[in-house]
N, C-alpha and C. Protein backbone atom coordinates (compact mmCIF):
# COMPACT_ATOMS: atom_id res chain seq x y z
N UNK A 1 0.84 -1.18 0.00
CA UNK A 1 0.00 0.00 0.00
C UNK A 1 0.89 1.24 0.00
N UNK A 2 0.59 2.20 -0.86
CA UNK A 2 1.40 3.41 -0.94
C UNK A 2 1.09 4.33 0.24
N UNK A 3 2.03 5.23 0.52
CA UNK A 3 1.85 6.16 1.63
C UNK A 3 0.75 7.15 1.29
N UNK A 4 -0.06 7.47 2.29
CA UNK A 4 -1.13 8.44 2.13
C UNK A 4 -0.65 9.83 2.50
N UNK A 5 -1.19 10.85 1.87
CA UNK A 5 -0.98 12.21 2.34
C UNK A 5 -1.87 12.41 3.56
N UNK A 6 -1.58 13.41 4.37
CA UNK A 6 -2.43 13.68 5.52
C UNK A 6 -3.86 13.96 5.08
N UNK A 7 -4.02 14.73 4.03
CA UNK A 7 -5.37 15.06 3.54
C UNK A 7 -6.14 13.81 3.13
N UNK A 8 -5.47 12.91 2.39
CA UNK A 8 -6.12 11.66 1.98
C UNK A 8 -6.44 10.77 3.19
N UNK A 9 -5.54 10.77 4.17
CA UNK A 9 -5.76 9.97 5.37
C UNK A 9 -6.97 10.46 6.15
N UNK A 10 -7.12 11.78 6.26
CA UNK A 10 -8.26 12.36 6.97
C UNK A 10 -9.56 11.98 6.27
N UNK A 11 -9.58 12.12 4.95
CA UNK A 11 -10.79 11.77 4.19
C UNK A 11 -11.11 10.29 4.33
N UNK A 12 -10.09 9.44 4.24
CA UNK A 12 -10.28 7.99 4.36
C UNK A 12 -10.76 7.64 5.76
N UNK A 13 -10.18 8.27 6.77
CA UNK A 13 -10.60 8.04 8.16
C UNK A 13 -12.09 8.34 8.31
N UNK A 14 -12.52 9.53 7.88
CA UNK A 14 -13.92 9.93 8.05
C UNK A 14 -14.86 8.99 7.30
N UNK A 15 -14.45 8.54 6.13
CA UNK A 15 -15.28 7.60 5.37
C UNK A 15 -15.45 6.29 6.13
N UNK A 16 -14.35 5.79 6.67
CA UNK A 16 -14.41 4.51 7.40
C UNK A 16 -15.17 4.65 8.72
N UNK A 17 -14.96 5.75 9.44
CA UNK A 17 -15.67 5.96 10.70
C UNK A 17 -17.18 6.06 10.46
N UNK A 18 -17.58 6.73 9.39
CA UNK A 18 -19.00 6.90 9.09
C UNK A 18 -19.63 5.59 8.62
N UNK A 19 -18.91 4.83 7.80
CA UNK A 19 -19.50 3.60 7.24
C UNK A 19 -19.56 2.47 8.25
N UNK A 20 -18.60 2.42 9.16
CA UNK A 20 -18.46 1.33 10.14
C UNK A 20 -18.26 -0.03 9.47
N UNK A 21 -17.85 -0.03 8.22
CA UNK A 21 -17.52 -1.29 7.55
C UNK A 21 -16.15 -1.74 8.04
N UNK A 22 -15.95 -3.05 8.18
CA UNK A 22 -14.65 -3.53 8.63
C UNK A 22 -13.52 -3.13 7.67
N UNK A 23 -12.39 -2.77 8.26
CA UNK A 23 -11.20 -2.38 7.51
C UNK A 23 -10.09 -3.36 7.80
N UNK A 24 -9.21 -3.54 6.85
CA UNK A 24 -8.01 -4.32 7.07
C UNK A 24 -7.11 -3.49 8.00
N UNK A 25 -6.53 -4.09 9.04
CA UNK A 25 -5.65 -3.34 9.92
C UNK A 25 -4.54 -2.59 9.18
N UNK A 26 -4.03 -3.13 8.10
CA UNK A 26 -2.98 -2.45 7.33
C UNK A 26 -3.49 -1.13 6.75
N UNK A 27 -4.75 -1.08 6.37
CA UNK A 27 -5.34 0.16 5.86
C UNK A 27 -5.46 1.20 6.98
N UNK A 28 -5.86 0.76 8.16
CA UNK A 28 -5.95 1.67 9.30
C UNK A 28 -4.56 2.13 9.72
N UNK A 29 -3.58 1.24 9.65
CA UNK A 29 -2.20 1.61 9.97
C UNK A 29 -1.67 2.67 9.00
N UNK A 30 -2.07 2.59 7.73
CA UNK A 30 -1.64 3.59 6.74
C UNK A 30 -2.25 4.95 7.07
N UNK A 31 -3.49 4.97 7.50
CA UNK A 31 -4.12 6.23 7.92
C UNK A 31 -3.36 6.78 9.12
N UNK A 32 -3.14 5.93 10.11
CA UNK A 32 -2.42 6.33 11.33
C UNK A 32 -1.06 6.95 10.98
N UNK A 33 -0.32 6.33 10.11
CA UNK A 33 1.02 6.78 9.77
C UNK A 33 1.03 8.18 9.16
N UNK A 34 -0.05 8.56 8.48
CA UNK A 34 -0.11 9.86 7.81
C UNK A 34 -0.62 10.98 8.70
N UNK A 35 -1.16 10.65 9.87
CA UNK A 35 -1.72 11.67 10.75
C UNK A 35 -0.64 12.25 11.68
N UNK A 36 -0.83 13.51 12.11
CA UNK A 36 0.14 14.13 13.01
C UNK A 36 -0.04 13.67 14.46
N UNK A 37 1.07 13.65 15.19
CA UNK A 37 1.04 13.34 16.61
C UNK A 37 0.39 14.50 17.36
N UNK A 38 0.07 14.26 18.63
CA UNK A 38 -0.56 15.29 19.46
C UNK A 38 0.16 15.37 20.81
N UNK A 39 0.05 16.54 21.42
CA UNK A 39 0.56 16.76 22.77
C UNK A 39 -0.59 16.65 23.76
N UNK A 40 -0.28 16.33 24.98
CA UNK A 40 -1.30 16.14 26.01
C UNK A 40 -2.22 17.36 26.12
N UNK A 41 -1.65 18.56 26.21
CA UNK A 41 -2.47 19.76 26.39
C UNK A 41 -3.43 20.01 25.24
N UNK A 42 -3.13 19.48 24.06
CA UNK A 42 -3.98 19.68 22.89
C UNK A 42 -5.23 18.80 22.89
N UNK A 43 -5.22 17.74 23.68
CA UNK A 43 -6.32 16.78 23.60
C UNK A 43 -7.23 16.77 24.81
N UNK A 44 -6.99 17.66 25.76
CA UNK A 44 -7.83 17.66 26.96
C UNK A 44 -9.27 17.98 26.61
N UNK A 45 -10.18 17.27 27.24
CA UNK A 45 -11.60 17.50 27.02
C UNK A 45 -12.39 16.22 27.22
N UNK A 46 -13.70 16.34 27.00
CA UNK A 46 -14.60 15.21 27.09
C UNK A 46 -14.91 14.75 25.67
N UNK A 47 -14.93 13.45 25.47
CA UNK A 47 -15.08 12.88 24.13
C UNK A 47 -16.13 11.78 24.10
N UNK A 48 -16.85 11.71 22.98
CA UNK A 48 -17.64 10.52 22.69
C UNK A 48 -16.78 9.67 21.78
N UNK A 49 -16.96 8.37 21.85
CA UNK A 49 -16.09 7.49 21.10
C UNK A 49 -16.81 6.59 20.13
N UNK A 50 -16.03 5.99 19.27
CA UNK A 50 -16.53 5.02 18.31
C UNK A 50 -15.42 4.07 17.91
N UNK A 51 -15.82 2.97 17.32
CA UNK A 51 -14.86 1.96 16.88
C UNK A 51 -14.54 2.12 15.40
N UNK A 52 -13.38 1.64 15.03
CA UNK A 52 -13.01 1.45 13.63
C UNK A 52 -12.87 -0.06 13.45
N UNK A 53 -13.95 -0.73 13.08
CA UNK A 53 -13.94 -2.19 13.03
C UNK A 53 -12.83 -2.74 12.13
N UNK A 54 -12.17 -3.78 12.64
CA UNK A 54 -11.06 -4.39 11.89
C UNK A 54 -11.02 -5.90 12.05
N UNK A 55 -12.10 -6.47 12.56
CA UNK A 55 -12.10 -7.90 12.82
C UNK A 55 -11.48 -8.26 14.17
N UNK A 56 -11.24 -7.26 15.01
CA UNK A 56 -10.66 -7.49 16.33
C UNK A 56 -11.72 -8.10 17.26
N UNK A 57 -11.28 -8.86 18.24
CA UNK A 57 -12.19 -9.49 19.19
C UNK A 57 -13.03 -8.46 19.95
N UNK A 58 -12.54 -7.24 20.11
CA UNK A 58 -13.29 -6.19 20.82
C UNK A 58 -14.36 -5.51 19.95
N UNK A 59 -14.30 -5.69 18.64
CA UNK A 59 -15.28 -5.04 17.76
C UNK A 59 -16.70 -5.33 18.25
N UNK A 60 -17.46 -4.26 18.47
CA UNK A 60 -18.85 -4.38 18.89
C UNK A 60 -19.06 -4.54 20.38
N UNK A 61 -18.01 -4.83 21.14
CA UNK A 61 -18.19 -5.10 22.57
C UNK A 61 -18.41 -3.84 23.39
N UNK A 62 -17.90 -2.70 22.94
CA UNK A 62 -18.05 -1.48 23.74
C UNK A 62 -19.50 -1.04 23.83
N UNK A 63 -20.27 -1.23 22.77
CA UNK A 63 -21.68 -0.85 22.79
C UNK A 63 -22.45 -1.68 23.82
N UNK A 64 -22.04 -2.92 24.02
CA UNK A 64 -22.76 -3.79 24.95
C UNK A 64 -22.61 -3.35 26.41
N UNK A 65 -21.60 -2.54 26.71
CA UNK A 65 -21.41 -2.05 28.08
C UNK A 65 -21.83 -0.59 28.22
N UNK A 66 -22.43 -0.03 27.16
CA UNK A 66 -22.90 1.36 27.21
C UNK A 66 -21.78 2.37 27.10
N UNK A 67 -20.67 1.99 26.47
CA UNK A 67 -19.54 2.91 26.34
C UNK A 67 -19.95 4.15 25.58
N UNK A 68 -19.60 5.30 26.14
CA UNK A 68 -19.88 6.58 25.50
C UNK A 68 -18.60 7.21 24.96
N UNK A 69 -17.51 7.12 25.74
CA UNK A 69 -16.26 7.75 25.32
C UNK A 69 -15.26 7.82 26.45
N UNK A 70 -14.50 8.93 26.47
CA UNK A 70 -13.45 9.11 27.47
C UNK A 70 -13.45 10.56 27.96
N UNK A 71 -13.06 10.76 29.20
CA UNK A 71 -12.83 12.10 29.74
C UNK A 71 -11.33 12.25 29.93
N UNK A 72 -10.75 13.16 29.18
CA UNK A 72 -9.32 13.46 29.29
C UNK A 72 -9.21 14.87 29.87
N UNK A 73 -9.38 14.99 31.16
CA UNK A 73 -9.52 16.30 31.79
C UNK A 73 -8.22 16.88 32.32
N UNK A 74 -7.23 16.06 32.50
CA UNK A 74 -5.92 16.50 32.98
C UNK A 74 -4.97 15.32 32.93
N UNK A 75 -3.69 15.60 33.07
CA UNK A 75 -2.69 14.53 32.99
C UNK A 75 -3.02 13.36 33.91
N UNK A 76 -3.52 13.65 35.11
CA UNK A 76 -3.85 12.60 36.08
C UNK A 76 -5.34 12.55 36.38
N UNK A 77 -6.14 13.08 35.49
CA UNK A 77 -7.60 13.09 35.66
C UNK A 77 -8.22 12.56 34.37
N UNK A 78 -8.18 11.22 34.23
CA UNK A 78 -8.61 10.57 33.00
C UNK A 78 -9.57 9.43 33.34
N UNK A 79 -10.71 9.43 32.66
CA UNK A 79 -11.67 8.34 32.78
C UNK A 79 -11.68 7.60 31.45
N UNK A 80 -11.09 6.40 31.40
CA UNK A 80 -10.95 5.70 30.13
C UNK A 80 -12.24 5.05 29.62
N UNK A 81 -13.15 4.74 30.52
CA UNK A 81 -14.38 4.06 30.13
C UNK A 81 -15.59 4.83 30.67
N UNK A 82 -15.99 5.87 29.94
CA UNK A 82 -17.17 6.63 30.30
C UNK A 82 -18.36 5.92 29.66
N UNK A 83 -19.29 5.51 30.51
CA UNK A 83 -20.45 4.75 30.05
C UNK A 83 -21.73 5.49 30.42
N UNK A 84 -22.84 5.03 29.83
CA UNK A 84 -24.15 5.59 30.10
C UNK A 84 -24.94 4.56 30.90
N UNK A 85 -25.49 5.00 32.05
CA UNK A 85 -26.26 4.07 32.88
C UNK A 85 -27.69 3.94 32.35
N UNK A 86 -28.52 3.17 33.03
CA UNK A 86 -29.90 2.92 32.58
C UNK A 86 -30.73 4.19 32.51
N UNK A 87 -30.36 5.20 33.32
CA UNK A 87 -31.08 6.48 33.31
C UNK A 87 -30.52 7.44 32.27
N UNK A 88 -29.51 7.01 31.52
CA UNK A 88 -28.93 7.85 30.49
C UNK A 88 -27.83 8.78 30.98
N UNK A 89 -27.46 8.65 32.26
CA UNK A 89 -26.42 9.51 32.83
C UNK A 89 -25.04 8.92 32.56
N UNK A 90 -24.08 9.81 32.32
CA UNK A 90 -22.70 9.38 32.09
C UNK A 90 -21.98 9.17 33.42
N UNK A 91 -21.14 8.13 33.44
CA UNK A 91 -20.32 7.87 34.62
C UNK A 91 -19.04 7.17 34.20
N UNK A 92 -18.03 7.28 35.03
CA UNK A 92 -16.76 6.60 34.78
C UNK A 92 -16.87 5.18 35.31
N UNK A 93 -16.84 4.20 34.41
CA UNK A 93 -16.98 2.81 34.79
C UNK A 93 -15.58 2.27 35.15
N UNK A 94 -15.27 2.37 36.43
CA UNK A 94 -13.94 1.95 36.91
C UNK A 94 -13.77 0.44 36.89
N UNK A 95 -14.89 -0.29 36.95
CA UNK A 95 -14.80 -1.75 36.92
C UNK A 95 -14.33 -2.23 35.55
N UNK A 96 -14.96 -1.76 34.50
CA UNK A 96 -14.58 -2.20 33.16
C UNK A 96 -13.20 -1.68 32.78
N UNK A 97 -12.92 -0.41 33.12
CA UNK A 97 -11.62 0.17 32.81
C UNK A 97 -10.51 -0.30 33.73
N UNK A 98 -10.88 -1.05 34.78
CA UNK A 98 -9.94 -1.51 35.80
C UNK A 98 -9.22 -0.33 36.43
N UNK A 99 -9.99 0.70 36.76
CA UNK A 99 -9.46 1.89 37.39
C UNK A 99 -9.45 3.06 36.43
N UNK A 100 -8.78 4.10 36.85
CA UNK A 100 -8.69 5.33 36.05
C UNK A 100 -7.47 5.21 35.13
N UNK A 101 -6.97 6.35 34.67
CA UNK A 101 -5.82 6.35 33.77
C UNK A 101 -5.09 7.68 33.89
N UNK A 102 -3.99 7.81 33.18
CA UNK A 102 -3.24 9.06 33.13
C UNK A 102 -2.72 9.25 31.71
N UNK A 103 -2.29 10.47 31.42
CA UNK A 103 -1.79 10.81 30.08
C UNK A 103 -0.28 11.01 30.12
N UNK A 104 0.40 10.43 29.13
CA UNK A 104 1.85 10.51 29.02
C UNK A 104 2.22 10.67 27.56
N UNK A 105 3.39 11.21 27.31
CA UNK A 105 3.95 11.22 25.97
C UNK A 105 4.75 9.94 25.83
N UNK A 106 4.33 9.08 24.89
CA UNK A 106 4.92 7.76 24.75
C UNK A 106 5.32 7.53 23.29
N UNK A 107 6.46 6.89 23.10
CA UNK A 107 6.88 6.54 21.74
C UNK A 107 6.12 5.29 21.28
N UNK A 108 5.56 5.41 20.09
CA UNK A 108 4.84 4.30 19.47
C UNK A 108 5.13 4.36 17.98
N UNK A 109 5.65 3.31 17.44
CA UNK A 109 6.00 3.24 16.03
C UNK A 109 6.94 4.37 15.61
N UNK A 110 7.89 4.68 16.48
CA UNK A 110 8.92 5.66 16.16
C UNK A 110 8.53 7.11 16.35
N UNK A 111 7.34 7.38 16.87
CA UNK A 111 6.88 8.75 17.09
C UNK A 111 6.42 8.90 18.53
N UNK A 112 6.64 10.06 19.12
CA UNK A 112 6.14 10.34 20.46
C UNK A 112 4.81 11.07 20.32
N UNK A 113 3.79 10.52 20.96
CA UNK A 113 2.46 11.12 20.90
C UNK A 113 1.75 10.95 22.24
N UNK A 114 0.73 11.76 22.49
CA UNK A 114 -0.04 11.66 23.73
C UNK A 114 -0.66 10.27 23.80
N UNK A 115 -0.56 9.67 24.98
CA UNK A 115 -1.01 8.30 25.19
C UNK A 115 -1.69 8.19 26.54
N UNK A 116 -2.83 7.50 26.56
CA UNK A 116 -3.52 7.22 27.81
C UNK A 116 -3.01 5.89 28.34
N UNK A 117 -2.55 5.89 29.59
CA UNK A 117 -2.02 4.69 30.24
C UNK A 117 -3.02 4.26 31.31
N UNK A 118 -3.56 3.07 31.16
CA UNK A 118 -4.52 2.55 32.14
C UNK A 118 -3.81 2.25 33.45
N UNK A 119 -4.45 2.61 34.58
CA UNK A 119 -3.85 2.37 35.88
C UNK A 119 -3.87 0.89 36.28
N UNK A 120 -4.93 0.15 35.88
CA UNK A 120 -5.11 -1.19 36.40
C UNK A 120 -4.84 -2.32 35.43
N UNK A 121 -4.31 -2.01 34.25
CA UNK A 121 -4.03 -3.07 33.28
C UNK A 121 -2.93 -2.59 32.32
N UNK A 122 -2.18 -3.53 31.74
CA UNK A 122 -1.07 -3.16 30.87
C UNK A 122 -1.54 -2.79 29.46
N UNK A 123 -2.27 -1.66 29.38
CA UNK A 123 -2.87 -1.22 28.13
C UNK A 123 -2.58 0.26 27.91
N UNK A 124 -2.32 0.61 26.66
CA UNK A 124 -2.05 1.98 26.24
C UNK A 124 -2.99 2.36 25.09
N UNK A 125 -3.53 3.56 25.15
CA UNK A 125 -4.29 4.12 24.03
C UNK A 125 -3.48 5.28 23.47
N UNK A 126 -2.91 5.09 22.28
CA UNK A 126 -2.12 6.12 21.62
C UNK A 126 -3.05 6.95 20.75
N UNK A 127 -2.79 8.27 20.68
CA UNK A 127 -3.67 9.17 19.94
C UNK A 127 -2.92 9.94 18.86
N UNK A 128 -3.63 10.19 17.76
CA UNK A 128 -3.16 11.08 16.71
C UNK A 128 -4.33 11.96 16.27
N UNK A 129 -3.99 13.14 15.74
CA UNK A 129 -5.00 14.11 15.35
C UNK A 129 -5.54 13.81 13.95
N UNK A 130 -6.88 13.75 13.85
CA UNK A 130 -7.55 13.66 12.56
C UNK A 130 -7.93 15.07 12.12
N UNK A 131 -8.56 15.81 13.03
CA UNK A 131 -8.89 17.21 12.80
C UNK A 131 -8.99 17.89 14.16
N UNK A 132 -9.46 19.12 14.19
CA UNK A 132 -9.48 19.90 15.43
C UNK A 132 -10.21 19.21 16.58
N UNK A 133 -11.24 18.43 16.26
CA UNK A 133 -12.05 17.81 17.31
C UNK A 133 -12.03 16.29 17.31
N UNK A 134 -11.23 15.67 16.46
CA UNK A 134 -11.27 14.22 16.31
C UNK A 134 -9.88 13.61 16.49
N UNK A 135 -9.82 12.54 17.25
CA UNK A 135 -8.59 11.79 17.46
C UNK A 135 -8.78 10.36 16.97
N UNK A 136 -7.75 9.81 16.36
CA UNK A 136 -7.72 8.38 16.07
C UNK A 136 -6.92 7.73 17.19
N UNK A 137 -7.38 6.57 17.64
CA UNK A 137 -6.69 5.86 18.71
C UNK A 137 -6.33 4.45 18.31
N UNK A 138 -5.20 4.00 18.83
CA UNK A 138 -4.80 2.60 18.71
C UNK A 138 -4.53 2.10 20.11
N UNK A 139 -5.23 1.01 20.48
CA UNK A 139 -5.02 0.39 21.79
C UNK A 139 -4.03 -0.75 21.63
N UNK A 140 -2.99 -0.72 22.46
CA UNK A 140 -2.06 -1.84 22.49
C UNK A 140 -1.58 -2.06 23.91
N UNK A 141 -0.75 -3.04 24.12
CA UNK A 141 -0.23 -3.33 25.44
C UNK A 141 0.24 -4.77 25.50
N UNK A 142 0.53 -5.22 26.71
CA UNK A 142 1.05 -6.58 26.85
C UNK A 142 -0.04 -7.60 27.18
N UNK A 143 -1.27 -7.16 27.37
CA UNK A 143 -2.36 -8.10 27.58
C UNK A 143 -2.66 -8.81 26.26
N UNK A 144 -3.03 -10.06 26.33
CA UNK A 144 -3.26 -10.85 25.12
C UNK A 144 -4.38 -10.25 24.25
N UNK A 145 -5.25 -9.45 24.83
CA UNK A 145 -6.35 -8.85 24.08
C UNK A 145 -5.88 -7.90 22.99
N UNK A 146 -4.75 -7.21 23.21
CA UNK A 146 -4.26 -6.24 22.22
C UNK A 146 -2.78 -6.40 21.88
N UNK A 147 -2.12 -7.36 22.45
CA UNK A 147 -0.68 -7.53 22.21
C UNK A 147 -0.39 -7.92 20.76
N UNK A 148 -1.11 -8.87 20.25
CA UNK A 148 -0.82 -9.38 18.91
C UNK A 148 -1.63 -8.70 17.82
N UNK A 149 -2.72 -8.05 18.20
CA UNK A 149 -3.57 -7.37 17.23
C UNK A 149 -4.17 -6.15 17.91
N UNK A 150 -3.88 -4.98 17.38
CA UNK A 150 -4.34 -3.74 17.99
C UNK A 150 -5.82 -3.50 17.73
N UNK A 151 -6.42 -2.71 18.62
CA UNK A 151 -7.82 -2.29 18.50
C UNK A 151 -7.83 -0.83 18.08
N UNK A 152 -8.62 -0.48 17.06
CA UNK A 152 -8.66 0.86 16.49
C UNK A 152 -9.96 1.54 16.88
N UNK A 153 -9.87 2.82 17.25
CA UNK A 153 -11.06 3.56 17.66
C UNK A 153 -10.87 5.03 17.38
N UNK A 154 -11.90 5.82 17.66
CA UNK A 154 -11.79 7.27 17.50
C UNK A 154 -12.53 7.97 18.61
N UNK A 155 -12.17 9.22 18.83
CA UNK A 155 -12.82 10.09 19.81
C UNK A 155 -13.17 11.41 19.14
N UNK A 156 -14.36 11.93 19.46
CA UNK A 156 -14.80 13.22 18.95
C UNK A 156 -15.11 14.12 20.14
N UNK A 157 -14.46 15.28 20.19
CA UNK A 157 -14.63 16.20 21.30
C UNK A 157 -16.08 16.67 21.39
N UNK A 158 -16.62 16.68 22.62
CA UNK A 158 -18.00 17.12 22.83
C UNK A 158 -18.04 18.61 23.11
């Protein structure tokens, strides 16, 4: 697959996020490679989230737990699993997320970018900028759930 320009990557990202059709991980990796890294201060805020289906075991599972998104409110004030309860209210689901999280600048694939580090499990969510209000995320870590095959998702600032 040839390298994408940032402009083409953004367009391809939005098409895939809107369609929710499964993508080959290599295609998502090409989009990721063309997007710019982000700093922690640039991504603070509350976000609704969505998946970029790729045939991963987690595809479709977030909806079953009422996942809404993430709260990235400060370096040490991060809710990785914001869910909606039966009354429609948002809350930080510490059980599913296995605790809270923090934000760090972490090298991933040769680039340093803002990354959410889960407190209770060996999992990292790396972020790159799609546009002013949208982030692409790749979840990886040493847990068998994402070690051999990454999970792709996105966040849109509320």
